[in-house]
Protein backbone atom coordinates (compact mmCIF):
# COMPACT_ATOMS: atom_id res chain seq x y z
CA MET A 1 13.10 7.69 16.67
CA LEU A 2 10.99 10.82 16.80
CA GLU A 3 11.11 12.51 20.20
CA ARG A 4 8.53 15.27 19.89
CA ARG A 5 4.79 14.66 20.15
CA LEU A 6 3.29 15.23 16.69
CA ASN A 7 -0.18 16.06 15.42
CA LEU A 8 -0.60 13.77 12.42
CA ILE A 9 -3.04 13.21 9.58
CA GLY A 10 -3.57 9.56 8.68
CA TYR A 11 -4.12 8.14 5.21
CA VAL A 12 -5.50 4.69 4.39
CA ARG A 13 -5.96 3.26 0.90
CA VAL A 14 -7.75 -0.06 0.46
CA GLY A 15 -8.61 -2.41 -2.34
CA ASP A 16 -5.25 -3.36 -3.83
CA SER A 17 -3.38 -4.66 -0.82
CA LEU A 18 -3.34 -7.70 1.38
CA VAL A 19 -3.63 -5.32 4.32
CA SER A 20 -7.24 -4.31 5.00
CA GLY A 21 -8.36 -0.78 5.77
CA ILE A 22 -9.10 -1.77 9.38
CA GLU A 23 -5.60 -3.24 9.76
CA GLN A 24 -4.05 -0.08 8.33
CA LEU A 25 -6.18 2.11 10.61
CA ASN A 26 -5.27 0.00 13.66
CA ALA A 27 -1.57 0.20 12.77
CA ILE A 28 -1.81 4.00 12.55
CA LYS A 29 -3.67 4.24 15.87
CA ASP A 30 -1.22 1.85 17.57
CA TYR A 31 1.83 3.72 16.24
CA CYS A 32 0.43 7.04 17.45
CA ARG A 33 -0.40 5.60 20.87
CA ILE A 34 3.02 3.98 21.31
CA HIS A 35 4.89 7.12 20.21
CA LYS A 36 2.49 9.48 22.00
CA HIS A 37 1.48 11.27 18.79
CA ARG A 38 -2.03 12.55 18.15
CA CYS A 39 -3.89 11.44 15.02
CA LEU A 40 -6.23 14.29 14.15
CA ALA A 41 -8.08 12.53 11.30
CA VAL A 42 -7.69 9.64 8.90
CA TYR A 43 -8.72 9.97 5.25
CA THR A 44 -9.35 6.99 2.98
CA ASP A 45 -9.42 6.08 -0.69
CA SER A 46 -10.37 2.89 -2.49
CA VAL A 47 -7.95 1.23 -4.93
CA GLN A 48 -6.07 4.35 -6.07
CA PRO A 49 -5.11 7.67 -4.48
CA ALA A 50 -7.81 10.27 -5.10
CA PHE A 51 -9.95 12.65 -3.09
CA GLY A 52 -8.95 11.17 0.28
CA LEU A 53 -5.26 11.81 -0.36
CA THR A 54 -6.02 15.33 -1.58
CA ARG A 55 -7.96 16.03 1.61
CA ALA A 56 -5.19 14.53 3.75
CA MET A 57 -2.58 16.72 2.04
CA ASP A 58 -4.78 19.82 2.46
CA SER A 59 -5.17 18.98 6.16
CA LEU A 60 -1.41 19.16 6.64
CA LYS A 61 -1.83 22.94 7.02
CA LYS A 62 -3.01 22.25 10.58
CA ALA A 63 -0.80 19.24 11.35
CA ASP A 64 2.86 18.33 11.73
CA GLY A 65 2.79 15.52 9.20
CA LEU A 66 1.23 12.55 7.46
CA ILE A 67 1.20 8.92 8.58
CA ALA A 68 0.33 5.95 6.36
CA TYR A 69 0.72 2.21 6.62
CA ASP A 70 3.29 2.16 3.81
CA ALA A 71 4.58 4.48 1.09
CA SER A 72 2.87 2.53 -1.69
CA ARG A 73 -0.48 3.74 -0.30
CA LEU A 74 0.39 7.20 -1.65
CA VAL A 75 0.73 6.15 -5.31
CA LYS A 76 -1.35 4.19 -7.81
CA SER A 77 1.28 1.49 -8.29
CA VAL A 78 4.82 0.83 -7.10
CA SER A 79 6.13 1.78 -10.54
CA ASP A 80 4.60 5.26 -10.09
CA SER A 81 6.66 5.91 -6.98
CA TYR A 82 9.59 7.58 -8.69
CA ARG A 83 7.43 9.74 -10.95
CA GLU A 84 4.72 10.68 -8.43
CA LEU A 85 5.91 10.03 -4.90
CA ARG A 86 9.47 11.31 -5.12
CA PRO A 87 8.48 14.91 -6.11
CA LEU A 88 5.77 14.87 -3.43
CA VAL A 89 8.19 13.69 -0.77
CA GLU A 90 10.88 16.16 -1.79
CA SER A 91 8.63 19.23 -2.06
CA ARG A 92 6.06 18.68 0.68
CA PHE A 93 7.96 16.68 3.26
CA MET A 94 11.70 17.14 2.88
CA HIS A 95 11.66 20.82 1.94
CA GLY A 96 8.19 21.67 3.22
CA HIS A 97 8.98 20.98 6.87
CA LYS A 98 6.23 18.40 7.30
CA LYS A 99 6.84 14.93 8.69
CA LEU A 100 6.16 11.74 6.75
CA ILE A 101 5.88 8.43 8.59
CA THR A 102 5.17 5.12 6.87
CA ILE A 103 4.85 2.36 9.42
CA ALA A 104 5.59 -0.84 7.47
CA ASP A 105 8.50 0.73 5.56
CA GLY A 106 9.94 2.35 8.66
CA PHE A 107 10.23 5.65 6.79
CA GLU A 108 10.49 9.01 8.46
CA ASN A 109 11.97 12.19 7.09
CA VAL A 110 13.09 13.78 10.34
CA THR A 111 16.64 12.43 10.33
CA ALA A 112 19.23 12.37 7.54
CA ALA A 113 19.29 8.56 7.78
CA GLY A 114 15.51 8.43 7.43
CA GLN A 115 15.60 10.71 4.37
CA GLU A 116 18.33 8.59 2.78
CA ASN A 117 16.41 5.37 3.45
CA LEU A 118 13.28 6.83 1.88
CA MET A 119 15.03 8.11 -1.25
CA ASN A 120 16.97 4.84 -1.70
CA THR A 121 13.74 2.85 -1.53
CA LEU A 122 12.06 5.14 -4.06
CA ASN A 123 14.99 4.63 -6.41
CA GLU A 124 14.74 0.86 -5.88
CA TRP A 125 11.03 0.93 -6.73
CA HIS A 126 11.82 2.87 -9.89
CA ASN A 127 13.99 -0.02 -11.06
CA ARG A 128 11.30 -2.70 -10.52
CA GLU A 129 8.86 -3.96 -13.10
CA GLU A 130 5.44 -2.32 -13.07
CA MET A 131 2.90 -4.22 -11.03
CA PRO A 132 -0.54 -4.66 -12.64
CA SER A 133 -3.18 -2.19 -11.42
CA PRO A 134 -6.46 -3.58 -10.13
CA THR A 135 -9.76 -2.45 -11.59
CA TYR A 136 -11.33 0.50 -9.83
CA ASP A 137 -14.39 -0.19 -7.70
CA PRO A 138 -15.95 3.16 -6.71
CA SER A 139 -16.89 3.54 -3.08
CA GLU A 140 -17.42 6.38 -0.67
CA HIS A 141 -14.44 8.14 0.77
CA GLU A 142 -14.60 8.04 4.51
CA ILE A 143 -13.06 10.18 7.20
CA TYR A 144 -12.29 8.67 10.58
CA PHE A 145 -11.77 11.04 13.48
CA VAL A 146 -9.56 9.44 16.05
CA ASN A 147 -10.00 10.78 19.56
CA GLN A 148 -6.90 10.31 21.63
CA THR A 149 -6.41 11.64 25.08
CA PRO A 150 -2.98 12.98 26.05
């Protein structure tokens, strides 16, 4: 469990999951409230990671870390996790001194156990069959500013 109050950037990706954008946003807000973290902003994408994820990653300069509903939100498909997510996690979060929290997966990179859990899951995903990608339906990328009082 994280002990220090963190300033986090949220990321929501919708369109290819059974979990709606509102449900993901509520999970992020609830997690931050329960753990007394501050969510500075939440960036969104539709169907696949794009401009919203880029903006979220750029915003990490002024935050302690990134929070998402689950790790699969950060990649186009589960089969991409090893190729795309693992280098991102290793360079930006494990060696870059930024926190990564994925609520549904229970991932965090603060502890050695959390890092091991994350890397084991990425390796497991790498061994799965590729899931079909949905067709892309362009929509606006939205930013939600979440005001939380201390």
